[in-house]
C-alpha atoms as a PDB file:
ATOM      1  CA  ALA A   1     -65.783  -3.238 -29.528  1.00  0.00           C
ATOM      2  CA  GLY A   2     -65.349  -1.392 -32.782  1.00  0.00           C
ATOM      3  CA  ARG A   3     -62.477  -3.453 -34.235  1.00  0.00           C
ATOM      4  CA  ILE A   4     -62.405  -6.404 -36.587  1.00  0.00           C
ATOM      5  CA  VAL A   5     -61.227  -9.383 -34.514  1.00  0.00           C
ATOM      6  CA  GLU A   6     -61.398 -12.006 -37.246  1.00  0.00           C
ATOM      7  CA  SER A   7     -61.910 -12.239 -40.981  1.00  0.00           C
ATOM      8  CA  GLY A   8     -61.974 -14.978 -43.557  1.00  0.00           C
ATOM      9  CA  PRO A   9     -64.332 -17.080 -45.651  1.00  0.00           C
ATOM     10  CA  VAL A  10     -67.601 -17.715 -43.804  1.00  0.00           C
ATOM     11  CA  SER A  11     -67.276 -21.499 -43.988  1.00  0.00           C
ATOM     12  CA  GLU A  12     -63.803 -21.359 -42.400  1.00  0.00           C
ATOM     13  CA  VAL A  13     -64.748 -18.862 -39.695  1.00  0.00           C
ATOM     14  CA  PHE A  14     -67.820 -20.953 -38.763  1.00  0.00           C
ATOM     15  CA  THR A  15     -65.972 -24.281 -38.657  1.00  0.00           C
ATOM     16  CA  ARG A  16     -62.564 -23.142 -37.352  1.00  0.00           C
ATOM     17  CA  PRO A  17     -62.766 -19.780 -35.564  1.00  0.00           C
ATOM     18  CA  ARG A  18     -59.379 -18.155 -34.859  1.00  0.00           C
ATOM     19  CA  HIS A  19     -60.465 -15.709 -32.134  1.00  0.00           C
ATOM     20  CA  PRO A  20     -61.938 -16.545 -28.684  1.00  0.00           C
ATOM     21  CA  TYR A  21     -64.853 -14.129 -29.217  1.00  0.00           C
ATOM     22  CA  THR A  22     -65.812 -15.802 -32.496  1.00  0.00           C
ATOM     23  CA  ALA A  23     -65.441 -19.241 -30.893  1.00  0.00           C
ATOM     24  CA  GLY A  24     -67.766 -18.108 -28.078  1.00  0.00           C
ATOM     25  CA  LEU A  25     -70.332 -16.857 -30.569  1.00  0.00           C
ATOM     26  CA  MET A  26     -70.230 -20.151 -32.463  1.00  0.00           C
ATOM     27  CA  ARG A  27     -70.749 -22.139 -29.221  1.00  0.00           C
ATOM     28  CA  SER A  28     -73.752 -19.982 -28.295  1.00  0.00           C
ATOM     29  CA  VAL A  29     -75.651 -20.624 -31.551  1.00  0.00           C
ATOM     30  CA  PRO A  30     -78.296 -23.270 -30.828  1.00  0.00           C
ATOM     31  CA  ARG A  31     -78.207 -26.346 -33.037  1.00  0.00           C
ATOM     32  CA  LEU A  32     -81.283 -28.282 -34.151  1.00  0.00           C
ATOM     33  CA  GLY A  33     -82.564 -30.164 -31.112  1.00  0.00           C
ATOM     34  CA  GLN A  34     -79.922 -28.726 -28.771  1.00  0.00           C
ATOM     35  CA  ALA A  35     -82.233 -26.260 -27.020  1.00  0.00           C
ATOM     36  CA  THR A  36     -84.742 -29.025 -26.234  1.00  0.00           C
ATOM     37  CA  MET A  37     -81.973 -31.301 -24.939  1.00  0.00           C
ATOM     38  CA  LEU A  38     -80.456 -28.570 -22.776  1.00  0.00           C
ATOM     39  CA  LYS A  39     -83.849 -27.543 -21.421  1.00  0.00           C
ATOM     40  CA  ALA A  40     -84.646 -31.162 -20.487  1.00  0.00           C
ATOM     41  CA  ALA A  41     -81.296 -31.380 -18.686  1.00  0.00           C
ATOM     42  CA  GLY A  42     -81.863 -28.024 -16.961  1.00  0.00           C
ATOM     43  CA  THR A  43     -78.788 -26.578 -18.678  1.00  0.00           C
ATOM     44  CA  PRO A  44     -78.868 -23.102 -20.259  1.00  0.00           C
ATOM     45  CA  LEU A  45     -77.500 -22.398 -23.723  1.00  0.00           C
ATOM     46  CA  PRO A  46     -73.792 -21.482 -23.610  1.00  0.00           C
ATOM     47  CA  THR A  47     -73.033 -17.768 -23.319  1.00  0.00           C
ATOM     48  CA  ILE A  48     -69.972 -15.541 -23.390  1.00  0.00           C
ATOM     49  CA  ALA A  49     -69.057 -14.651 -19.807  1.00  0.00           C
ATOM     50  CA  GLY A  50     -68.909 -11.094 -18.532  1.00  0.00           C
ATOM     51  CA  ASN A  51     -70.265  -7.839 -19.911  1.00  0.00           C
ATOM     52  CA  VAL A  52     -69.510  -5.888 -23.052  1.00  0.00           C
ATOM     53  CA  PRO A  53     -67.384  -2.866 -22.097  1.00  0.00           C
ATOM     54  CA  SER A  54     -68.668   0.664 -22.524  1.00  0.00           C
ATOM     55  CA  LEU A  55     -67.374   2.243 -25.727  1.00  0.00           C
ATOM     56  CA  ALA A  56     -66.501   5.288 -23.615  1.00  0.00           C
ATOM     57  CA  LEU A  57     -64.430   3.166 -21.205  1.00  0.00           C
ATOM     58  CA  LEU A  58     -62.734   0.548 -23.345  1.00  0.00           C
ATOM     59  CA  PRO A  59     -60.005  -1.374 -21.543  1.00  0.00           C
ATOM     60  CA  LYS A  60     -56.412  -0.921 -22.614  1.00  0.00           C
ATOM     61  CA  GLY A  61     -55.303  -3.602 -25.073  1.00  0.00           C
ATOM     62  CA  CYS A  62     -57.739  -6.149 -26.465  1.00  0.00           C
ATOM     63  CA  SER A  63     -61.299  -5.151 -25.571  1.00  0.00           C
ATOM     64  CA  PHE A  64     -62.222  -8.842 -25.156  1.00  0.00           C
ATOM     65  CA  ALA A  65     -59.337  -9.575 -22.729  1.00  0.00           C
ATOM     66  CA  PRO A  66     -61.358  -9.007 -19.505  1.00  0.00           C
ATOM     67  CA  ARG A  67     -63.797 -11.748 -20.615  1.00  0.00           C
ATOM     68  CA  CYS A  68     -61.264 -14.056 -22.273  1.00  0.00           C
ATOM     69  CA  ALA A  69     -60.001 -17.213 -20.554  1.00  0.00           C
ATOM     70  CA  MET A  70     -57.023 -17.253 -22.945  1.00  0.00           C
ATOM     71  CA  ALA A  71     -55.845 -13.684 -22.286  1.00  0.00           C
ATOM     72  CA  VAL A  72     -52.224 -13.110 -21.268  1.00  0.00           C
ATOM     73  CA  ASP A  73     -50.581  -9.903 -20.008  1.00  0.00           C
ATOM     74  CA  ALA A  74     -49.718  -8.783 -23.556  1.00  0.00           C
ATOM     75  CA  CYS A  75     -53.441  -8.848 -24.435  1.00  0.00           C
ATOM     76  CA  ARG A  76     -54.130  -6.308 -21.698  1.00  0.00           C
ATOM     77  CA  THR A  77     -51.389  -3.820 -22.591  1.00  0.00           C
ATOM     78  CA  ALA A  78     -51.679  -3.285 -26.357  1.00  0.00           C
ATOM     79  CA  VAL A  79     -54.264  -3.928 -29.048  1.00  0.00           C
ATOM     80  CA  PRO A  80     -53.118  -7.067 -30.872  1.00  0.00           C
ATOM     81  CA  PRO A  81     -52.464  -6.606 -34.590  1.00  0.00           C
ATOM     82  CA  LEU A  82     -54.572  -8.431 -37.181  1.00  0.00           C
ATOM     83  CA  LEU A  83     -52.414 -11.525 -37.747  1.00  0.00           C
ATOM     84  CA  ALA A  84     -52.448 -13.966 -40.669  1.00  0.00           C
ATOM     85  CA  ALA A  85     -53.698 -17.185 -39.070  1.00  0.00           C
ATOM     86  CA  THR A  86     -53.872 -18.954 -42.433  1.00  0.00           C
ATOM     87  CA  SER A  87     -53.597 -17.855 -46.045  1.00  0.00           C
ATOM     88  CA  THR A  88     -57.307 -16.925 -45.909  1.00  0.00           C
ATOM     89  CA  GLN A  89     -58.031 -16.111 -42.247  1.00  0.00           C
ATOM     90  CA  GLN A  90     -56.872 -13.250 -40.049  1.00  0.00           C
ATOM     91  CA  SER A  91     -57.206 -12.962 -36.274  1.00  0.00           C
ATOM     92  CA  ARG A  92     -56.587 -10.194 -33.773  1.00  0.00           C
ATOM     93  CA  CYS A  93     -55.582 -12.749 -31.126  1.00  0.00           C
ATOM     94  CA  LEU A  94     -52.058 -13.407 -29.903  1.00  0.00           C
ATOM     95  CA  ARG A  95     -53.043 -16.989 -29.022  1.00  0.00           C
ATOM     96  CA  TRP A  96     -55.083 -17.968 -32.092  1.00  0.00           C
ATOM     97  CA  GLU A  97     -52.949 -21.107 -32.495  1.00  0.00           C
ATOM     98  CA  ASP A  98     -54.185 -22.378 -29.113  1.00  0.00           C
ATOM     99  CA  LEU A  99     -57.840 -22.430 -30.157  1.00  0.00           C
END
């Protein structure tokens, strides 16, 4: 919600996301044939749980924390800094190594 949560070369971000929000976005992109398979199985496309917070009422800490299965107390108390995940990728997630 208004902050960069991840940066890096497109090919790296698409194949190895370092933030739970980015990982959720990548899972929700339909692949060729996937939508037909899921529809036949009666399974919806994957989505990111929860609702986007109001920009006027952003939660304290990481704005994705309320919807993040990986969030810890530190995520909810202060905005995580943009951390160097690799020499070319940065992530604003305290638990990027667990992805």
